[in-house]
Amino acid sequence: MEEAWGVYYRICPRCARAVPLASSERYCTNDGVRLLEACPGCGARITSPYARFCGRCGREFRLEARALEDKARQGGLG
């Protein structure tokens, strides 16, 4: 189900920097982490540049960054 309003954001799961979804940026310019376009738990689009949790399912966006960092430390990325 698509949200009714049309302003969406990408958010860095590490530093919480937000950019409009219409931007061409895919990685955070602060720390190089891939920006989230939607909640990794339920797929809801991010509708606030200040969001730290998903408004639909409540998942914390920083959990995604921690999981990727753990996987990289274990040699699972790259």
PDB file of N, CA and C in Angstrom:
ATOM      1  N   MET A   1       0.842  -1.184   0.000  1.00  0.00           N
ATOM      2  CA  MET A   1       0.000   0.000   0.000  1.00  0.00           C
ATOM      3  C   MET A   1       0.883   1.242   0.000  1.00  0.00           C
ATOM      4  N   GLU A   2       0.682   2.136  -0.908  1.00  0.00           N
ATOM      5  CA  GLU A   2       1.482   3.343  -1.062  1.00  0.00           C
ATOM      6  C   GLU A   2       0.922   4.463  -0.188  1.00  0.00           C
ATOM      7  N   GLU A   3       1.811   5.263   0.398  1.00  0.00           N
ATOM      8  CA  GLU A   3       1.382   6.400   1.195  1.00  0.00           C
ATOM      9  C   GLU A   3       0.743   7.448   0.292  1.00  0.00           C
ATOM     10  N   ALA A   4      -0.129   8.266   0.851  1.00  0.00           N
ATOM     11  CA  ALA A   4      -0.885   9.230   0.065  1.00  0.00           C
ATOM     12  C   ALA A   4      -0.086  10.486  -0.290  1.00  0.00           C
ATOM     13  N   TRP A   5       0.893  10.873   0.504  1.00  0.00           N
ATOM     14  CA  TRP A   5       1.663  12.074   0.208  1.00  0.00           C
ATOM     15  C   TRP A   5       2.891  11.709  -0.596  1.00  0.00           C
ATOM     16  N   GLY A   6       3.542  12.706  -1.185  1.00  0.00           N
ATOM     17  CA  GLY A   6       4.580  12.387  -2.142  1.00  0.00           C
ATOM     18  C   GLY A   6       5.999  12.814  -1.812  1.00  0.00           C
ATOM     19  N   VAL A   7       6.287  13.306  -0.608  1.00  0.00           N
ATOM     20  CA  VAL A   7       7.649  13.690  -0.262  1.00  0.00           C
ATOM     21  C   VAL A   7       8.265  12.560   0.552  1.00  0.00           C
ATOM     22  N   TYR A   8       9.281  11.923  -0.026  1.00  0.00           N
ATOM     23  CA  TYR A   8       9.939  10.796   0.631  1.00  0.00           C
ATOM     24  C   TYR A   8      11.424  11.091   0.778  1.00  0.00           C
ATOM     25  N   TYR A   9      12.070  10.360   1.659  1.00  0.00           N
ATOM     26  CA  TYR A   9      13.474  10.615   1.966  1.00  0.00           C
ATOM     27  C   TYR A   9      14.289   9.338   1.966  1.00  0.00           C
ATOM     28  N   ARG A  10      15.596   9.513   1.786  1.00  0.00           N
ATOM     29  CA  ARG A  10      16.581   8.474   2.059  1.00  0.00           C
ATOM     30  C   ARG A  10      17.266   8.903   3.349  1.00  0.00           C
ATOM     31  N   ILE A  11      17.537   7.941   4.218  1.00  0.00           N
ATOM     32  CA  ILE A  11      18.162   8.251   5.503  1.00  0.00           C
ATOM     33  C   ILE A  11      19.374   7.364   5.715  1.00  0.00           C
ATOM     34  N   CYS A  12      20.432   7.982   6.245  1.00  0.00           N
ATOM     35  CA  CYS A  12      21.614   7.212   6.617  1.00  0.00           C
ATOM     36  C   CYS A  12      21.319   6.489   7.929  1.00  0.00           C
ATOM     37  N   PRO A  13      21.431   5.172   7.950  1.00  0.00           N
ATOM     38  CA  PRO A  13      21.138   4.443   9.182  1.00  0.00           C
ATOM     39  C   PRO A  13      22.215   4.622  10.250  1.00  0.00           C
ATOM     40  N   ARG A  14      23.359   5.189   9.885  1.00  0.00           N
ATOM     41  CA  ARG A  14      24.418   5.409  10.873  1.00  0.00           C
ATOM     42  C   ARG A  14      24.319   6.792  11.516  1.00  0.00           C
ATOM     43  N   CYS A  15      24.253   7.858  10.703  1.00  0.00           N
ATOM     44  CA  CYS A  15      24.289   9.215  11.271  1.00  0.00           C
ATOM     45  C   CYS A  15      22.948   9.944  11.178  1.00  0.00           C
ATOM     46  N   ALA A  16      21.955   9.344  10.547  1.00  0.00           N
ATOM     47  CA  ALA A  16      20.598   9.882  10.413  1.00  0.00           C
ATOM     48  C   ALA A  16      20.502  11.074   9.454  1.00  0.00           C
ATOM     49  N   ARG A  17      21.512  11.287   8.620  1.00  0.00           N
ATOM     50  CA  ARG A  17      21.431  12.339   7.602  1.00  0.00           C
ATOM     51  C   ARG A  17      20.346  11.960   6.605  1.00  0.00           C
ATOM     52  N   ALA A  18      19.518  12.929   6.230  1.00  0.00           N
ATOM     53  CA  ALA A  18      18.420  12.667   5.296  1.00  0.00           C
ATOM     54  C   ALA A  18      18.595  13.487   4.023  1.00  0.00           C
ATOM     55  N   VAL A  19      18.209  12.890   2.903  1.00  0.00           N
ATOM     56  CA  VAL A  19      18.171  13.591   1.619  1.00  0.00           C
ATOM     57  C   VAL A  19      16.846  13.229   0.948  1.00  0.00           C
ATOM     58  N   PRO A  20      16.299  14.134   0.139  1.00  0.00           N
ATOM     59  CA  PRO A  20      15.058  13.805  -0.566  1.00  0.00           C
ATOM     60  C   PRO A  20      15.253  12.589  -1.475  1.00  0.00           C
ATOM     61  N   LEU A  21      14.243  11.780  -1.597  1.00  0.00           N
ATOM     62  CA  LEU A  21      14.301  10.597  -2.448  1.00  0.00           C
ATOM     63  C   LEU A  21      14.610  10.977  -3.896  1.00  0.00           C
ATOM     64  N   ALA A  22      14.199  12.165  -4.311  1.00  0.00           N
ATOM     65  CA  ALA A  22      14.453  12.625  -5.676  1.00  0.00           C
ATOM     66  C   ALA A  22      15.934  12.922  -5.934  1.00  0.00           C
ATOM     67  N   SER A  23      16.729  13.026  -4.882  1.00  0.00           N
ATOM     68  CA  SER A  23      18.166  13.279  -5.021  1.00  0.00           C
ATOM     69  C   SER A  23      18.849  12.075  -5.659  1.00  0.00           C
ATOM     70  N   SER A  24      19.952  12.319  -6.342  1.00  0.00           N
ATOM     71  CA  SER A  24      20.702  11.213  -6.951  1.00  0.00           C
ATOM     72  C   SER A  24      21.631  10.518  -5.955  1.00  0.00           C
ATOM     73  N   GLU A  25      21.761  11.052  -4.740  1.00  0.00           N
ATOM     74  CA  GLU A  25      22.641  10.446  -3.733  1.00  0.00           C
ATOM     75  C   GLU A  25      22.126   9.074  -3.311  1.00  0.00           C
ATOM     76  N   ARG A  26      23.019   8.109  -3.262  1.00  0.00           N
ATOM     77  CA  ARG A  26      22.675   6.764  -2.809  1.00  0.00           C
ATOM     78  C   ARG A  26      23.465   6.369  -1.560  1.00  0.00           C
ATOM     79  N   TYR A  27      24.563   7.108  -1.316  1.00  0.00           N
ATOM     80  CA  TYR A  27      25.431   6.842  -0.167  1.00  0.00           C
ATOM     81  C   TYR A  27      25.592   8.119   0.644  1.00  0.00           C
ATOM     82  N   CYS A  28      25.724   7.975   1.941  1.00  0.00           N
ATOM     83  CA  CYS A  28      25.883   9.120   2.831  1.00  0.00           C
ATOM     84  C   CYS A  28      27.226   9.789   2.569  1.00  0.00           C
ATOM     85  N   THR A  29      27.211  11.094   2.406  1.00  0.00           N
ATOM     86  CA  THR A  29      28.452  11.828   2.186  1.00  0.00           C
ATOM     87  C   THR A  29      29.225  12.039   3.482  1.00  0.00           C
ATOM     88  N   ASN A  30      28.623  11.750   4.627  1.00  0.00           N
ATOM     89  CA  ASN A  30      29.322  11.859   5.913  1.00  0.00           C
ATOM     90  C   ASN A  30      30.163  10.631   6.213  1.00  0.00           C
ATOM     91  N   ASP A  31      29.616   9.430   5.917  1.00  0.00           N
ATOM     92  CA  ASP A  31      30.335   8.215   6.323  1.00  0.00           C
ATOM     93  C   ASP A  31      30.305   7.076   5.316  1.00  0.00           C
ATOM     94  N   GLY A  32      29.761   7.292   4.136  1.00  0.00           N
ATOM     95  CA  GLY A  32      29.831   6.293   3.074  1.00  0.00           C
ATOM     96  C   GLY A  32      28.863   5.134   3.167  1.00  0.00           C
ATOM     97  N   VAL A  33      27.944   5.166   4.106  1.00  0.00           N
ATOM     98  CA  VAL A  33      26.964   4.088   4.269  1.00  0.00           C
ATOM     99  C   VAL A  33      25.849   4.258   3.241  1.00  0.00           C
ATOM    100  N   ARG A  34      25.359   3.142   2.696  1.00  0.00           N
ATOM    101  CA  ARG A  34      24.244   3.208   1.743  1.00  0.00           C
ATOM    102  C   ARG A  34      23.003   3.733   2.462  1.00  0.00           C
ATOM    103  N   LEU A  35      22.338   4.702   1.832  1.00  0.00           N
ATOM    104  CA  LEU A  35      21.143   5.306   2.410  1.00  0.00           C
ATOM    105  C   LEU A  35      19.947   4.366   2.287  1.00  0.00           C
ATOM    106  N   LEU A  36      19.112   4.354   3.310  1.00  0.00           N
ATOM    107  CA  LEU A  36      17.877   3.566   3.275  1.00  0.00           C
ATOM    108  C   LEU A  36      16.820   4.344   2.508  1.00  0.00           C
ATOM    109  N   GLU A  37      16.149   3.682   1.566  1.00  0.00           N
ATOM    110  CA  GLU A  37      15.051   4.310   0.824  1.00  0.00           C
ATOM    111  C   GLU A  37      13.704   3.971   1.443  1.00  0.00           C
ATOM    112  N   ALA A  38      13.674   2.884   2.170  1.00  0.00           N
ATOM    113  CA  ALA A  38      12.438   2.412   2.788  1.00  0.00           C
ATOM    114  C   ALA A  38      12.800   1.600   4.020  1.00  0.00           C
ATOM    115  N   CYS A  39      11.830   1.326   4.838  1.00  0.00           N
ATOM    116  CA  CYS A  39      12.052   0.510   6.026  1.00  0.00           C
ATOM    117  C   CYS A  39      12.494  -0.890   5.606  1.00  0.00           C
ATOM    118  N   PRO A  40      13.613  -1.380   6.143  1.00  0.00           N
ATOM    119  CA  PRO A  40      14.057  -2.728   5.801  1.00  0.00           C
ATOM    120  C   PRO A  40      13.150  -3.816   6.373  1.00  0.00           C
ATOM    121  N   GLY A  41      12.281  -3.449   7.313  1.00  0.00           N
ATOM    122  CA  GLY A  41      11.377  -4.423   7.914  1.00  0.00           C
ATOM    123  C   GLY A  41      10.090  -4.625   7.140  1.00  0.00           C
ATOM    124  N   CYS A  42       9.445  -3.503   6.765  1.00  0.00           N
ATOM    125  CA  CYS A  42       8.128  -3.625   6.127  1.00  0.00           C
ATOM    126  C   CYS A  42       8.045  -2.978   4.750  1.00  0.00           C
ATOM    127  N   GLY A  43       9.081  -2.241   4.347  1.00  0.00           N
ATOM    128  CA  GLY A  43       9.086  -1.626   3.026  1.00  0.00           C
ATOM    129  C   GLY A  43       8.410  -0.273   2.931  1.00  0.00           C
ATOM    130  N   ALA A  44       7.919   0.262   4.057  1.00  0.00           N
ATOM    131  CA  ALA A  44       7.271   1.577   4.022  1.00  0.00           C
ATOM    132  C   ALA A  44       8.287   2.646   3.650  1.00  0.00           C
ATOM    133  N   ARG A  45       7.879   3.581   2.835  1.00  0.00           N
ATOM    134  CA  ARG A  45       8.759   4.687   2.468  1.00  0.00           C
ATOM    135  C   ARG A  45       8.950   5.609   3.671  1.00  0.00           C
ATOM    136  N   ILE A  46      10.072   6.303   3.681  1.00  0.00           N
ATOM    137  CA  ILE A  46      10.414   7.197   4.782  1.00  0.00           C
ATOM    138  C   ILE A  46       9.844   8.572   4.458  1.00  0.00           C
ATOM    139  N   THR A  47       8.916   9.047   5.275  1.00  0.00           N
ATOM    140  CA  THR A  47       8.174  10.265   4.981  1.00  0.00           C
ATOM    141  C   THR A  47       8.618  11.470   5.791  1.00  0.00           C
ATOM    142  N   SER A  48       9.604  11.307   6.673  1.00  0.00           N
ATOM    143  CA  SER A  48      10.102  12.421   7.477  1.00  0.00           C
ATOM    144  C   SER A  48      11.626  12.426   7.464  1.00  0.00           C
ATOM    145  N   PRO A  49      12.249  13.594   7.287  1.00  0.00           N
ATOM    146  CA  PRO A  49      13.706  13.645   7.342  1.00  0.00           C
ATOM    147  C   PRO A  49      14.240  13.442   8.755  1.00  0.00           C
ATOM    148  N   TYR A  50      13.361  13.426   9.742  1.00  0.00           N
ATOM    149  CA  TYR A  50      13.757  13.256  11.143  1.00  0.00           C
ATOM    150  C   TYR A  50      13.469  11.857  11.669  1.00  0.00           C
ATOM    151  N   ALA A  51      12.963  10.976  10.828  1.00  0.00           N
ATOM    152  CA  ALA A  51      12.559   9.633  11.262  1.00  0.00           C
ATOM    153  C   ALA A  51      13.758   8.825  11.752  1.00  0.00           C
ATOM    154  N   ARG A  52      13.593   8.181  12.876  1.00  0.00           N
ATOM    155  CA  ARG A  52      14.596   7.253  13.406  1.00  0.00           C
ATOM    156  C   ARG A  52      14.011   5.848  13.503  1.00  0.00           C
ATOM    157  N   PHE A  53      12.686   5.794  13.449  1.00  0.00           N
ATOM    158  CA  PHE A  53      11.943   4.538  13.521  1.00  0.00           C
ATOM    159  C   PHE A  53      10.897   4.544  12.415  1.00  0.00           C
ATOM    160  N   CYS A  54      10.511   3.375  11.959  1.00  0.00           N
ATOM    161  CA  CYS A  54       9.462   3.257  10.950  1.00  0.00           C
ATOM    162  C   CYS A  54       8.112   3.603  11.567  1.00  0.00           C
ATOM    163  N   GLY A  55       7.359   4.440  10.888  1.00  0.00           N
ATOM    164  CA  GLY A  55       6.033   4.806  11.360  1.00  0.00           C
ATOM    165  C   GLY A  55       5.015   3.696  11.207  1.00  0.00           C
ATOM    166  N   ARG A  56       5.306   2.706  10.361  1.00  0.00           N
ATOM    167  CA  ARG A  56       4.373   1.607  10.139  1.00  0.00           C
ATOM    168  C   ARG A  56       4.637   0.430  11.077  1.00  0.00           C
ATOM    169  N   CYS A  57       5.887  -0.029  11.147  1.00  0.00           N
ATOM    170  CA  CYS A  57       6.162  -1.240  11.940  1.00  0.00           C
ATOM    171  C   CYS A  57       6.996  -0.983  13.194  1.00  0.00           C
ATOM    172  N   GLY A  58       7.556   0.227  13.334  1.00  0.00           N
ATOM    173  CA  GLY A  58       8.313   0.569  14.529  1.00  0.00           C
ATOM    174  C   GLY A  58       9.778   0.167  14.523  1.00  0.00           C
ATOM    175  N   ARG A  59      10.262  -0.397  13.432  1.00  0.00           N
ATOM    176  CA  ARG A  59      11.660  -0.832  13.378  1.00  0.00           C
ATOM    177  C   ARG A  59      12.601   0.368  13.457  1.00  0.00           C
ATOM    178  N   GLU A  60      13.679   0.201  14.223  1.00  0.00           N
ATOM    179  CA  GLU A  60      14.688   1.252  14.328  1.00  0.00           C
ATOM    180  C   GLU A  60      15.609   1.177  13.114  1.00  0.00           C
ATOM    181  N   PHE A  61      15.785   2.286  12.411  1.00  0.00           N
ATOM    182  CA  PHE A  61      16.612   2.291  11.211  1.00  0.00           C
ATOM    183  C   PHE A  61      18.082   2.036  11.514  1.00  0.00           C
ATOM    184  N   ARG A  62      18.568   2.424  12.686  1.00  0.00           N
ATOM    185  CA  ARG A  62      19.974   2.203  13.036  1.00  0.00           C
ATOM    186  C   ARG A  62      20.302   0.716  13.159  1.00  0.00           C
ATOM    187  N   LEU A  63      19.322  -0.120  13.398  1.00  0.00           N
ATOM    188  CA  LEU A  63      19.570  -1.565  13.478  1.00  0.00           C
ATOM    189  C   LEU A  63      20.127  -2.084  12.165  1.00  0.00           C
ATOM    190  N   GLU A  64      19.693  -1.501  11.062  1.00  0.00           N
ATOM    191  CA  GLU A  64      20.178  -1.913   9.741  1.00  0.00           C
ATOM    192  C   GLU A  64      21.673  -1.635   9.615  1.00  0.00           C
ATOM    193  N   ALA A  65      22.123  -0.477  10.075  1.00  0.00           N
ATOM    194  CA  ALA A  65      23.552  -0.136  10.010  1.00  0.00           C
ATOM    195  C   ALA A  65      24.363  -1.081  10.880  1.00  0.00           C
ATOM    196  N   ARG A  66      23.877  -1.385  12.070  1.00  0.00           N
ATOM    197  CA  ARG A  66      24.599  -2.299  12.963  1.00  0.00           C
ATOM    198  C   ARG A  66      24.724  -3.682  12.342  1.00  0.00           C
ATOM    199  N   ALA A  67      23.672  -4.163  11.705  1.00  0.00           N
ATOM    200  CA  ALA A  67      23.707  -5.489  11.077  1.00  0.00           C
ATOM    201  C   ALA A  67      24.727  -5.519   9.940  1.00  0.00           C
ATOM    202  N   LEU A  68      24.775  -4.463   9.129  1.00  0.00           N
ATOM    203  CA  LEU A  68      25.741  -4.401   8.032  1.00  0.00           C
ATOM    204  C   LEU A  68      27.175  -4.321   8.555  1.00  0.00           C
ATOM    205  N   GLU A  69      27.386  -3.557   9.631  1.00  0.00           N
ATOM    206  CA  GLU A  69      28.724  -3.451  10.215  1.00  0.00           C
ATOM    207  C   GLU A  69      29.180  -4.788  10.783  1.00  0.00           C
ATOM    208  N   ASP A  70      28.278  -5.505  11.453  1.00  0.00           N
ATOM    209  CA  ASP A  70      28.612  -6.824  12.001  1.00  0.00           C
ATOM    210  C   ASP A  70      28.978  -7.793  10.882  1.00  0.00           C
ATOM    211  N   LYS A  71      28.209  -7.771   9.806  1.00  0.00           N
ATOM    212  CA  LYS A  71      28.469  -8.666   8.679  1.00  0.00           C
ATOM    213  C   LYS A  71      29.819  -8.349   8.034  1.00  0.00           C
ATOM    214  N   ALA A  72      30.145  -7.062   7.911  1.00  0.00           N
ATOM    215  CA  ALA A  72      31.425  -6.657   7.328  1.00  0.00           C
ATOM    216  C   ALA A  72      32.588  -7.121   8.202  1.00  0.00           C
ATOM    217  N   ARG A  73      32.435  -7.018   9.527  1.00  0.00           N
ATOM    218  CA  ARG A  73      33.489  -7.466  10.445  1.00  0.00           C
ATOM    219  C   ARG A  73      33.726  -8.963  10.338  1.00  0.00           C
ATOM    220  N   GLN A  74      32.674  -9.702  10.023  1.00  0.00           N
ATOM    221  CA  GLN A  74      32.779 -11.159   9.913  1.00  0.00           C
ATOM    222  C   GLN A  74      33.238 -11.585   8.517  1.00  0.00           C
ATOM    223  N   GLY A  75      33.498 -10.622   7.644  1.00  0.00           N
ATOM    224  CA  GLY A  75      33.978 -10.936   6.303  1.00  0.00           C
ATOM    225  C   GLY A  75      32.884 -11.297   5.320  1.00  0.00           C
ATOM    226  N   GLY A  76      31.635 -10.951   5.624  1.00  0.00           N
ATOM    227  CA  GLY A  76      30.523 -11.314   4.758  1.00  0.00           C
ATOM    228  C   GLY A  76      30.210 -10.315   3.670  1.00  0.00           C
ATOM    229  N   LEU A  77      30.871  -9.165   3.671  1.00  0.00           N
ATOM    230  CA  LEU A  77      30.619  -8.160   2.637  1.00  0.00           C
ATOM    231  C   LEU A  77      31.870  -7.956   1.810  1.00  0.00           C
ATOM    232  N   GLY A  78      31.665  -7.591   0.554  1.00  0.00           N
ATOM    233  CA  GLY A  78      32.786  -7.192  -0.281  1.00  0.00           C
ATOM    234  C   GLY A  78      33.227  -8.266  -1.145  1.00  0.00           C
TER     235      GLY A  78
END
